[in-house]
């Protein structure tokens, strides 16, 4: 009986050790991907900060008007939801999808028509099962996304906004706060509003050809592409950080389980040895 129990415990220990090797490898991969994602985000930041400054300077003019700043009475909103492409990342996917669902319900309570653009495999899978109109599906693009692909998506969004397919565009994604903290956030993209002057002192000091409005309208798709790109990269970094934390926790739990099973195995082995000694002693006494 003891031998059979020892064999089961030994098999369980080998199984947990195999699982630990997988979780440890996934932790290392996530750490590497997290570092690269942070480098990508930092590399494009100066360019889009400059775009923001220019747009802020133009829009500070009281006479400025643009189709991208115009608010419409009709309520039709596009929600862009960015989630991960894989699981095993703790509560990363469930948290951002829950945030998006809560935002959608608030908009629906105001009688707004809702469309969803799903970015990330988990986002696509989730909203495919819902009753919302899907304006776009972009699974498995986060790791390989470049700025040109983000610009193409932004161009499609701005064209549909100009055609009034929807009168408002919002974005729900997860921002990287630290290696241990990732926070789902909601931001408004279109119409462009509440731009703060980020360093341009006065738009009157700069001449725009053919006009400030046309320059602004030309910059909006690029700016929107930059925001989307940064959000996808930020979300991807958050996903890797969440996965690294989850896999680190899983590896620690595996260590603890291995220690407990090893103790159980040693006790069973000790009991077997004691039983064998007792049997030998009893046999010796009978021989005498």
C-alpha atoms as a PDB file:
ATOM      1  CA  UNK A   1       0.000   0.000   0.000  1.00  0.00           C
ATOM      2  CA  UNK A   2       2.837   2.359   0.977  1.00  0.00           C
ATOM      3  CA  UNK A   3       4.768   1.537  -2.209  1.00  0.00           C
ATOM      4  CA  UNK A   4       1.752   2.337  -4.375  1.00  0.00           C
ATOM      5  CA  UNK A   5       1.225   5.616  -2.511  1.00  0.00           C
ATOM      6  CA  UNK A   6       4.896   6.552  -2.987  1.00  0.00           C
ATOM      7  CA  UNK A   7       4.657   5.857  -6.695  1.00  0.00           C
ATOM      8  CA  UNK A   8       1.625   8.170  -7.046  1.00  0.00           C
ATOM      9  CA  UNK A   9       3.366  10.961  -5.115  1.00  0.00           C
ATOM     10  CA  UNK A  10       6.530  10.582  -7.212  1.00  0.00           C
ATOM     11  CA  UNK A  11       4.462  10.800 -10.405  1.00  0.00           C
ATOM     12  CA  UNK A  12       2.740  13.937  -9.107  1.00  0.00           C
ATOM     13  CA  UNK A  13       6.074  15.555  -8.258  1.00  0.00           C
ATOM     14  CA  UNK A  14       7.362  14.945 -11.806  1.00  0.00           C
ATOM     15  CA  UNK A  15       4.133  16.419 -13.226  1.00  0.00           C
ATOM     16  CA  UNK A  16       4.411  19.584 -11.122  1.00  0.00           C
ATOM     17  CA  UNK A  17       8.105  19.946 -12.013  1.00  0.00           C
ATOM     18  CA  UNK A  18       7.206  19.777 -15.723  1.00  0.00           C
ATOM     19  CA  UNK A  19       4.544  22.443 -15.221  1.00  0.00           C
ATOM     20  CA  UNK A  20       7.024  24.624 -13.369  1.00  0.00           C
ATOM     21  CA  UNK A  21       9.470  24.424 -16.297  1.00  0.00           C
ATOM     22  CA  UNK A  22       6.723  25.708 -18.610  1.00  0.00           C
ATOM     23  CA  UNK A  23       5.655  28.566 -16.319  1.00  0.00           C
ATOM     24  CA  UNK A  24       9.285  29.586 -15.760  1.00  0.00           C
ATOM     25  CA  UNK A  25       9.932  29.662 -19.511  1.00  0.00           C
ATOM     26  CA  UNK A  26       6.753  31.717 -20.095  1.00  0.00           C
ATOM     27  CA  UNK A  27       7.854  34.136 -17.372  1.00  0.00           C
ATOM     28  CA  UNK A  28      11.217  34.700 -19.103  1.00  0.00           C
ATOM     29  CA  UNK A  29       9.594  35.137 -22.527  1.00  0.00           C
ATOM     30  CA  UNK A  30       7.090  37.648 -21.119  1.00  0.00           C
ATOM     31  CA  UNK A  31       9.935  39.630 -19.515  1.00  0.00           C
ATOM     32  CA  UNK A  32      11.758  39.840 -22.844  1.00  0.00           C
ATOM     33  CA  UNK A  33       8.634  40.886 -24.759  1.00  0.00           C
ATOM     34  CA  UNK A  34       7.803  43.477 -22.106  1.00  0.00           C
ATOM     35  CA  UNK A  35      11.195  45.127 -22.518  1.00  0.00           C
ATOM     36  CA  UNK A  36      10.835  45.316 -26.312  1.00  0.00           C
ATOM     37  CA  UNK A  37       7.305  46.721 -26.066  1.00  0.00           C
ATOM     38  CA  UNK A  38       8.449  49.512 -23.745  1.00  0.00           C
ATOM     39  CA  UNK A  39      11.268  50.370 -26.155  1.00  0.00           C
ATOM     40  CA  UNK A  40       8.795  50.597 -29.083  1.00  0.00           C
ATOM     41  CA  UNK A  41       6.509  52.907 -27.108  1.00  0.00           C
ATOM     42  CA  UNK A  42       9.350  55.248 -26.157  1.00  0.00           C
ATOM     43  CA  UNK A  43      10.731  55.355 -29.722  1.00  0.00           C
ATOM     44  CA  UNK A  44       7.610  56.940 -31.285  1.00  0.00           C
ATOM     45  CA  UNK A  45       6.632  59.200 -28.394  1.00  0.00           C
ATOM     46  CA  UNK A  46       8.550  62.377 -29.481  1.00  0.00           C
ATOM     47  CA  UNK A  47       6.958  62.404 -32.961  1.00  0.00           C
ATOM     48  CA  UNK A  48       3.401  62.277 -31.701  1.00  0.00           C
ATOM     49  CA  UNK A  49       4.079  64.769 -28.930  1.00  0.00           C
ATOM     50  CA  UNK A  50       5.103  67.201 -31.690  1.00  0.00           C
ATOM     51  CA  UNK A  51       1.875  66.473 -33.604  1.00  0.00           C
ATOM     52  CA  UNK A  52      -0.110  67.120 -30.437  1.00  0.00           C
ATOM     53  CA  UNK A  53       1.629  70.449 -29.892  1.00  0.00           C
ATOM     54  CA  UNK A  54       0.819  71.580 -33.457  1.00  0.00           C
ATOM     55  CA  UNK A  55      -2.818  70.529 -33.162  1.00  0.00           C
ATOM     56  CA  UNK A  56      -3.083  72.296 -29.814  1.00  0.00           C
ATOM     57  CA  UNK A  57      -1.649  75.470 -31.281  1.00  0.00           C
ATOM     58  CA  UNK A  58      -4.073  75.468 -34.240  1.00  0.00           C
ATOM     59  CA  UNK A  59      -7.174  74.653 -32.193  1.00  0.00           C
ATOM     60  CA  UNK A  60      -6.423  77.444 -29.699  1.00  0.00           C
ATOM     61  CA  UNK A  61      -7.632  79.947 -32.320  1.00  0.00           C
ATOM     62  CA  UNK A  62     -11.191  81.046 -31.467  1.00  0.00           C
ATOM     63  CA  UNK A  63     -12.183  81.133 -35.145  1.00  0.00           C
ATOM     64  CA  UNK A  64     -10.946  77.602 -35.762  1.00  0.00           C
ATOM     65  CA  UNK A  65     -13.493  75.032 -37.013  1.00  0.00           C
ATOM     66  CA  UNK A  66     -13.033  71.436 -38.124  1.00  0.00           C
ATOM     67  CA  UNK A  67     -15.186  68.423 -38.902  1.00  0.00           C
ATOM     68  CA  UNK A  68     -13.145  66.572 -36.285  1.00  0.00           C
ATOM     69  CA  UNK A  69     -14.115  69.005 -33.510  1.00  0.00           C
ATOM     70  CA  UNK A  70     -17.797  69.302 -34.389  1.00  0.00           C
ATOM     71  CA  UNK A  71     -20.258  67.731 -31.961  1.00  0.00           C
ATOM     72  CA  UNK A  72     -23.379  66.183 -33.460  1.00  0.00           C
ATOM     73  CA  UNK A  73     -26.749  65.834 -31.690  1.00  0.00           C
ATOM     74  CA  UNK A  74     -27.173  62.321 -33.081  1.00  0.00           C
ATOM     75  CA  UNK A  75     -25.617  59.753 -30.805  1.00  0.00           C
ATOM     76  CA  UNK A  76     -23.705  56.949 -32.478  1.00  0.00           C
ATOM     77  CA  UNK A  77     -20.511  55.758 -30.808  1.00  0.00           C
ATOM     78  CA  UNK A  78     -17.662  53.526 -31.922  1.00  0.00           C
ATOM     79  CA  UNK A  79     -15.891  51.783 -29.035  1.00  0.00           C
ATOM     80  CA  UNK A  80     -12.383  50.506 -29.809  1.00  0.00           C
ATOM     81  CA  UNK A  81     -11.545  47.724 -27.339  1.00  0.00           C
ATOM     82  CA  UNK A  82      -7.969  46.433 -27.091  1.00  0.00           C
ATOM     83  CA  UNK A  83      -7.390  43.122 -25.324  1.00  0.00           C
ATOM     84  CA  UNK A  84      -4.748  40.405 -25.501  1.00  0.00           C
ATOM     85  CA  UNK A  85      -4.169  37.653 -28.039  1.00  0.00           C
ATOM     86  CA  UNK A  86      -3.542  34.940 -25.443  1.00  0.00           C
ATOM     87  CA  UNK A  87      -4.663  33.909 -21.999  1.00  0.00           C
ATOM     88  CA  UNK A  88      -2.634  32.944 -18.918  1.00  0.00           C
ATOM     89  CA  UNK A  89      -2.236  36.627 -18.022  1.00  0.00           C
ATOM     90  CA  UNK A  90      -4.108  36.799 -14.744  1.00  0.00           C
ATOM     91  CA  UNK A  91      -7.030  39.215 -14.839  1.00  0.00           C
ATOM     92  CA  UNK A  92      -5.656  41.291 -17.736  1.00  0.00           C
ATOM     93  CA  UNK A  93      -8.237  40.336 -20.371  1.00  0.00           C
ATOM     94  CA  UNK A  94     -11.234  40.053 -18.066  1.00  0.00           C
ATOM     95  CA  UNK A  95     -10.557  43.469 -16.503  1.00  0.00           C
ATOM     96  CA  UNK A  96     -10.393  45.421 -19.778  1.00  0.00           C
ATOM     97  CA  UNK A  97     -13.406  43.599 -21.248  1.00  0.00           C
ATOM     98  CA  UNK A  98     -15.385  44.277 -18.084  1.00  0.00           C
ATOM     99  CA  UNK A  99     -14.453  47.984 -18.300  1.00  0.00           C
ATOM    100  CA  UNK A 100     -15.582  48.098 -21.944  1.00  0.00           C
ATOM    101  CA  UNK A 101     -18.864  46.347 -21.128  1.00  0.00           C
ATOM    102  CA  UNK A 102     -19.592  48.825 -18.343  1.00  0.00           C
ATOM    103  CA  UNK A 103     -18.908  51.758 -20.667  1.00  0.00           C
ATOM    104  CA  UNK A 104     -21.163  50.289 -23.359  1.00  0.00           C
ATOM    105  CA  UNK A 105     -24.008  49.831 -20.883  1.00  0.00           C
ATOM    106  CA  UNK A 106     -23.730  53.457 -19.770  1.00  0.00           C
ATOM    107  CA  UNK A 107     -23.929  54.606 -23.389  1.00  0.00           C
ATOM    108  CA  UNK A 108     -26.855  52.290 -24.083  1.00  0.00           C
ATOM    109  CA  UNK A 109     -28.706  53.770 -21.137  1.00  0.00           C
ATOM    110  CA  UNK A 110     -28.427  57.130 -22.955  1.00  0.00           C
ATOM    111  CA  UNK A 111     -30.045  55.526 -26.041  1.00  0.00           C
ATOM    112  CA  UNK A 112     -26.836  55.611 -28.086  1.00  0.00           C
ATOM    113  CA  UNK A 113     -26.176  53.297 -31.018  1.00  0.00           C
ATOM    114  CA  UNK A 114     -23.040  51.261 -30.307  1.00  0.00           C
ATOM    115  CA  UNK A 115     -20.466  49.802 -32.699  1.00  0.00           C
ATOM    116  CA  UNK A 116     -17.368  47.932 -31.544  1.00  0.00           C
ATOM    117  CA  UNK A 117     -13.929  47.637 -33.124  1.00  0.00           C
ATOM    118  CA  UNK A 118     -12.183  44.668 -31.505  1.00  0.00           C
ATOM    119  CA  UNK A 119      -8.367  44.588 -31.414  1.00  0.00           C
ATOM    120  CA  UNK A 120      -6.780  41.430 -30.019  1.00  0.00           C
ATOM    121  CA  UNK A 121      -7.945  37.834 -30.295  1.00  0.00           C
ATOM    122  CA  UNK A 122      -9.618  37.807 -26.872  1.00  0.00           C
ATOM    123  CA  UNK A 123     -11.523  40.985 -27.695  1.00  0.00           C
ATOM    124  CA  UNK A 124     -12.690  39.547 -31.039  1.00  0.00           C
ATOM    125  CA  UNK A 125     -13.788  36.279 -29.416  1.00  0.00           C
ATOM    126  CA  UNK A 126     -15.686  38.115 -26.686  1.00  0.00           C
ATOM    127  CA  UNK A 127     -17.601  40.531 -28.898  1.00  0.00           C
ATOM    128  CA  UNK A 128     -18.324  37.905 -31.552  1.00  0.00           C
ATOM    129  CA  UNK A 129     -20.547  36.306 -28.906  1.00  0.00           C
ATOM    130  CA  UNK A 130     -22.336  39.587 -28.113  1.00  0.00           C
ATOM    131  CA  UNK A 131     -25.108  41.350 -30.009  1.00  0.00           C
ATOM    132  CA  UNK A 132     -23.122  44.497 -30.826  1.00  0.00           C
ATOM    133  CA  UNK A 133     -22.294  45.547 -34.379  1.00  0.00           C
ATOM    134  CA  UNK A 134     -18.624  44.849 -35.088  1.00  0.00           C
ATOM    135  CA  UNK A 135     -17.028  47.627 -37.130  1.00  0.00           C
ATOM    136  CA  UNK A 136     -13.718  45.783 -37.377  1.00  0.00           C
ATOM    137  CA  UNK A 137     -11.826  42.700 -36.197  1.00  0.00           C
ATOM    138  CA  UNK A 138      -8.054  42.776 -35.685  1.00  0.00           C
ATOM    139  CA  UNK A 139      -6.825  39.602 -33.929  1.00  0.00           C
ATOM    140  CA  UNK A 140      -3.158  38.728 -33.446  1.00  0.00           C
ATOM    141  CA  UNK A 141      -1.684  42.090 -34.497  1.00  0.00           C
ATOM    142  CA  UNK A 142      -0.266  43.474 -31.241  1.00  0.00           C
ATOM    143  CA  UNK A 143       3.149  41.812 -31.355  1.00  0.00           C
ATOM    144  CA  UNK A 144       3.890  42.651 -35.003  1.00  0.00           C
ATOM    145  CA  UNK A 145       1.955  45.930 -35.358  1.00  0.00           C
ATOM    146  CA  UNK A 146       3.880  48.766 -36.988  1.00  0.00           C
ATOM    147  CA  UNK A 147       2.963  52.432 -37.293  1.00  0.00           C
ATOM    148  CA  UNK A 148       1.796  52.073 -40.896  1.00  0.00           C
ATOM    149  CA  UNK A 149      -0.799  49.445 -39.991  1.00  0.00           C
ATOM    150  CA  UNK A 150      -2.001  51.676 -37.174  1.00  0.00           C
ATOM    151  CA  UNK A 151      -2.288  54.567 -39.642  1.00  0.00           C
ATOM    152  CA  UNK A 152      -4.409  52.409 -41.971  1.00  0.00           C
ATOM    153  CA  UNK A 153      -6.816  51.611 -39.136  1.00  0.00           C
ATOM    154  CA  UNK A 154      -6.925  55.272 -38.115  1.00  0.00           C
ATOM    155  CA  UNK A 155      -7.600  56.336 -41.719  1.00  0.00           C
ATOM    156  CA  UNK A 156     -10.591  53.994 -41.891  1.00  0.00           C
ATOM    157  CA  UNK A 157     -11.944  55.370 -38.617  1.00  0.00           C
ATOM    158  CA  UNK A 158     -11.569  59.020 -39.609  1.00  0.00           C
ATOM    159  CA  UNK A 159     -13.181  58.452 -43.009  1.00  0.00           C
ATOM    160  CA  UNK A 160     -16.188  56.784 -41.410  1.00  0.00           C
ATOM    161  CA  UNK A 161     -16.339  59.582 -38.847  1.00  0.00           C
ATOM    162  CA  UNK A 162     -16.400  62.176 -41.632  1.00  0.00           C
ATOM    163  CA  UNK A 163     -19.199  60.189 -43.304  1.00  0.00           C
ATOM    164  CA  UNK A 164     -21.061  60.242 -39.976  1.00  0.00           C
ATOM    165  CA  UNK A 165     -21.242  56.459 -39.651  1.00  0.00           C
ATOM    166  CA  UNK A 166     -20.626  57.361 -36.023  1.00  0.00           C
ATOM    167  CA  UNK A 167     -20.422  60.715 -34.276  1.00  0.00           C
ATOM    168  CA  UNK A 168     -18.100  59.732 -31.455  1.00  0.00           C
ATOM    169  CA  UNK A 169     -15.067  57.441 -31.084  1.00  0.00           C
ATOM    170  CA  UNK A 170     -13.836  56.110 -27.744  1.00  0.00           C
ATOM    171  CA  UNK A 171     -10.985  53.820 -26.805  1.00  0.00           C
ATOM    172  CA  UNK A 172     -10.772  51.251 -23.996  1.00  0.00           C
ATOM    173  CA  UNK A 173      -7.395  49.654 -23.314  1.00  0.00           C
ATOM    174  CA  UNK A 174      -4.993  48.770 -20.495  1.00  0.00           C
ATOM    175  CA  UNK A 175      -2.208  51.166 -19.609  1.00  0.00           C
ATOM    176  CA  UNK A 176       1.097  50.032 -18.132  1.00  0.00           C
ATOM    177  CA  UNK A 177       1.560  51.630 -14.717  1.00  0.00           C
ATOM    178  CA  UNK A 178       4.292  49.369 -13.385  1.00  0.00           C
ATOM    179  CA  UNK A 179       5.444  45.768 -13.634  1.00  0.00           C
ATOM    180  CA  UNK A 180       2.892  44.888 -10.951  1.00  0.00           C
ATOM    181  CA  UNK A 181       0.073  47.282 -11.875  1.00  0.00           C
ATOM    182  CA  UNK A 182      -1.894  47.573 -15.126  1.00  0.00           C
ATOM    183  CA  UNK A 183      -4.966  49.803 -15.260  1.00  0.00           C
ATOM    184  CA  UNK A 184      -7.898  49.641 -17.736  1.00  0.00           C
ATOM    185  CA  UNK A 185      -8.707  53.149 -19.010  1.00  0.00           C
ATOM    186  CA  UNK A 186     -11.275  54.862 -21.235  1.00  0.00           C
ATOM    187  CA  UNK A 187     -10.402  57.855 -23.434  1.00  0.00           C
ATOM    188  CA  UNK A 188     -12.304  59.884 -26.022  1.00  0.00           C
ATOM    189  CA  UNK A 189     -10.670  60.179 -29.461  1.00  0.00           C
ATOM    190  CA  UNK A 190     -13.227  61.919 -31.690  1.00  0.00           C
ATOM    191  CA  UNK A 191     -14.460  64.588 -31.840  1.00  0.00           C
ATOM    192  CA  UNK A 192     -11.139  66.130 -30.826  1.00  0.00           C
ATOM    193  CA  UNK A 193     -11.678  68.263 -27.749  1.00  0.00           C
ATOM    194  CA  UNK A 194      -9.915  69.653 -24.698  1.00  0.00           C
ATOM    195  CA  UNK A 195      -6.534  69.891 -26.411  1.00  0.00           C
ATOM    196  CA  UNK A 196      -4.083  71.704 -24.174  1.00  0.00           C
ATOM    197  CA  UNK A 197      -1.327  73.821 -25.647  1.00  0.00           C
ATOM    198  CA  UNK A 198       1.736  71.702 -25.049  1.00  0.00           C
ATOM    199  CA  UNK A 199       4.358  74.293 -25.839  1.00  0.00           C
ATOM    200  CA  UNK A 200       3.110  76.236 -28.868  1.00  0.00           C
ATOM    201  CA  UNK A 201       2.754  79.773 -27.523  1.00  0.00           C
ATOM    202  CA  UNK A 202       0.557  81.198 -30.229  1.00  0.00           C
ATOM    203  CA  UNK A 203      -0.855  79.817 -33.450  1.00  0.00           C
ATOM    204  CA  UNK A 204      -0.685  83.312 -34.966  1.00  0.00           C
ATOM    205  CA  UNK A 205       3.119  83.050 -35.067  1.00  0.00           C
ATOM    206  CA  UNK A 206       2.916  80.189 -37.551  1.00  0.00           C
ATOM    207  CA  UNK A 207       1.544  80.289 -41.080  1.00  0.00           C
ATOM    208  CA  UNK A 208      -0.202  77.147 -42.323  1.00  0.00           C
ATOM    209  CA  UNK A 209      -0.611  76.409 -46.022  1.00  0.00           C
ATOM    210  CA  UNK A 210      -3.223  76.123 -47.421  1.00  0.00           C
ATOM    211  CA  UNK A 211      -5.046  76.859 -44.114  1.00  0.00           C
ATOM    212  CA  UNK A 212      -4.870  75.935 -40.411  1.00  0.00           C
ATOM    213  CA  UNK A 213      -8.085  73.918 -40.750  1.00  0.00           C
ATOM    214  CA  UNK A 214      -6.756  71.785 -43.617  1.00  0.00           C
ATOM    215  CA  UNK A 215      -3.453  71.204 -41.830  1.00  0.00           C
ATOM    216  CA  UNK A 216      -5.362  70.206 -38.697  1.00  0.00           C
ATOM    217  CA  UNK A 217      -7.638  67.856 -40.657  1.00  0.00           C
ATOM    218  CA  UNK A 218      -4.588  66.281 -42.278  1.00  0.00           C
ATOM    219  CA  UNK A 219      -2.894  65.758 -38.922  1.00  0.00           C
ATOM    220  CA  UNK A 220      -5.868  64.147 -37.174  1.00  0.00           C
ATOM    221  CA  UNK A 221      -5.577  60.723 -38.913  1.00  0.00           C
ATOM    222  CA  UNK A 222      -1.853  60.660 -38.176  1.00  0.00           C
ATOM    223  CA  UNK A 223      -2.427  61.678 -34.580  1.00  0.00           C
ATOM    224  CA  UNK A 224      -5.197  59.103 -34.196  1.00  0.00           C
ATOM    225  CA  UNK A 225      -2.897  56.458 -35.686  1.00  0.00           C
ATOM    226  CA  UNK A 226      -0.259  57.421 -33.156  1.00  0.00           C
ATOM    227  CA  UNK A 227      -2.713  57.141 -30.275  1.00  0.00           C
ATOM    228  CA  UNK A 228      -3.869  53.719 -31.511  1.00  0.00           C
ATOM    229  CA  UNK A 229      -0.305  52.518 -31.982  1.00  0.00           C
ATOM    230  CA  UNK A 230       0.702  53.725 -28.529  1.00  0.00           C
ATOM    231  CA  UNK A 231      -2.417  52.147 -26.977  1.00  0.00           C
ATOM    232  CA  UNK A 232      -1.779  48.775 -28.648  1.00  0.00           C
ATOM    233  CA  UNK A 233       1.882  48.809 -27.588  1.00  0.00           C
ATOM    234  CA  UNK A 234       0.913  49.933 -24.080  1.00  0.00           C
ATOM    235  CA  UNK A 235      -1.700  47.175 -23.873  1.00  0.00           C
ATOM    236  CA  UNK A 236       0.802  44.622 -25.151  1.00  0.00           C
ATOM    237  CA  UNK A 237       3.317  45.683 -22.505  1.00  0.00           C
ATOM    238  CA  UNK A 238       0.575  45.415 -19.878  1.00  0.00           C
ATOM    239  CA  UNK A 239      -0.330  41.934 -21.108  1.00  0.00           C
ATOM    240  CA  UNK A 240       3.278  40.759 -20.868  1.00  0.00           C
ATOM    241  CA  UNK A 241       3.677  42.281 -17.395  1.00  0.00           C
ATOM    242  CA  UNK A 242       0.470  40.592 -16.229  1.00  0.00           C
ATOM    243  CA  UNK A 243       1.578  37.280 -17.740  1.00  0.00           C
ATOM    244  CA  UNK A 244       5.009  37.528 -16.152  1.00  0.00           C
ATOM    245  CA  UNK A 245       3.428  38.169 -12.741  1.00  0.00           C
ATOM    246  CA  UNK A 246       0.965  35.300 -13.209  1.00  0.00           C
ATOM    247  CA  UNK A 247       3.692  32.878 -14.309  1.00  0.00           C
ATOM    248  CA  UNK A 248       5.979  33.951 -11.469  1.00  0.00           C
ATOM    249  CA  UNK A 249       3.163  33.269  -9.029  1.00  0.00           C
ATOM    250  CA  UNK A 250       2.488  29.905 -10.700  1.00  0.00           C
ATOM    251  CA  UNK A 251       6.172  28.961 -10.427  1.00  0.00           C
ATOM    252  CA  UNK A 252       6.199  29.893  -6.737  1.00  0.00           C
ATOM    253  CA  UNK A 253       3.069  27.821  -6.178  1.00  0.00           C
ATOM    254  CA  UNK A 254       4.701  24.904  -7.993  1.00  0.00           C
ATOM    255  CA  UNK A 255       7.737  25.161  -5.708  1.00  0.00           C
ATOM    256  CA  UNK A 256       5.496  25.107  -2.661  1.00  0.00           C
ATOM    257  CA  UNK A 257       3.549  22.121  -3.996  1.00  0.00           C
ATOM    258  CA  UNK A 258       6.778  20.235  -4.796  1.00  0.00           C
ATOM    259  CA  UNK A 259       8.026  20.835  -1.232  1.00  0.00           C
ATOM    260  CA  UNK A 260       4.758  19.547   0.231  1.00  0.00           C
ATOM    261  CA  UNK A 261       4.737  16.484  -2.031  1.00  0.00           C
ATOM    262  CA  UNK A 262       8.413  15.784  -1.277  1.00  0.00           C
ATOM    263  CA  UNK A 263       7.636  15.872   2.447  1.00  0.00           C
ATOM    264  CA  UNK A 264       4.723  13.502   1.897  1.00  0.00           C
ATOM    265  CA  UNK A 265       6.938  11.205  -0.175  1.00  0.00           C
ATOM    266  CA  UNK A 266       9.671  11.168   2.482  1.00  0.00           C
ATOM    267  CA  UNK A 267       7.128  10.348   5.173  1.00  0.00           C
ATOM    268  CA  UNK A 268       5.722   7.484   3.100  1.00  0.00           C
ATOM    269  CA  UNK A 269       9.246   6.229   2.401  1.00  0.00           C
ATOM    270  CA  UNK A 270      10.139   6.428   6.088  1.00  0.00           C
ATOM    271  CA  UNK A 271       6.982   4.526   6.962  1.00  0.00           C
ATOM    272  CA  UNK A 272       7.876   1.827   4.411  1.00  0.00           C
ATOM    273  CA  UNK A 273      11.412   1.488   5.809  1.00  0.00           C
ATOM    274  CA  UNK A 274      10.075   1.279   9.355  1.00  0.00           C
ATOM    275  CA  UNK A 275       7.624  -1.404   8.292  1.00  0.00           C
ATOM    276  CA  UNK A 276      10.395  -3.421   6.616  1.00  0.00           C
ATOM    277  CA  UNK A 277      12.602  -3.149   9.736  1.00  0.00           C
ATOM    278  CA  UNK A 278       9.714  -4.328  11.893  1.00  0.00           C
ATOM    279  CA  UNK A 279       9.112  -7.288   9.586  1.00  0.00           C
ATOM    280  CA  UNK A 280      12.817  -8.228   9.683  1.00  0.00           C
ATOM    281  CA  UNK A 281      12.864  -7.904  13.493  1.00  0.00           C
ATOM    282  CA  UNK A 282       9.725 -10.023  13.822  1.00  0.00           C
ATOM    283  CA  UNK A 283      11.237 -12.683  11.546  1.00  0.00           C
ATOM    284  CA  UNK A 284      14.434 -12.784  13.627  1.00  0.00           C
ATOM    285  CA  UNK A 285      12.462 -13.260  16.847  1.00  0.00           C
ATOM    286  CA  UNK A 286      10.524 -16.166  15.341  1.00  0.00           C
ATOM    287  CA  UNK A 287      13.758 -17.845  14.214  1.00  0.00           C
ATOM    288  CA  UNK A 288      15.134 -17.644  17.745  1.00  0.00           C
END
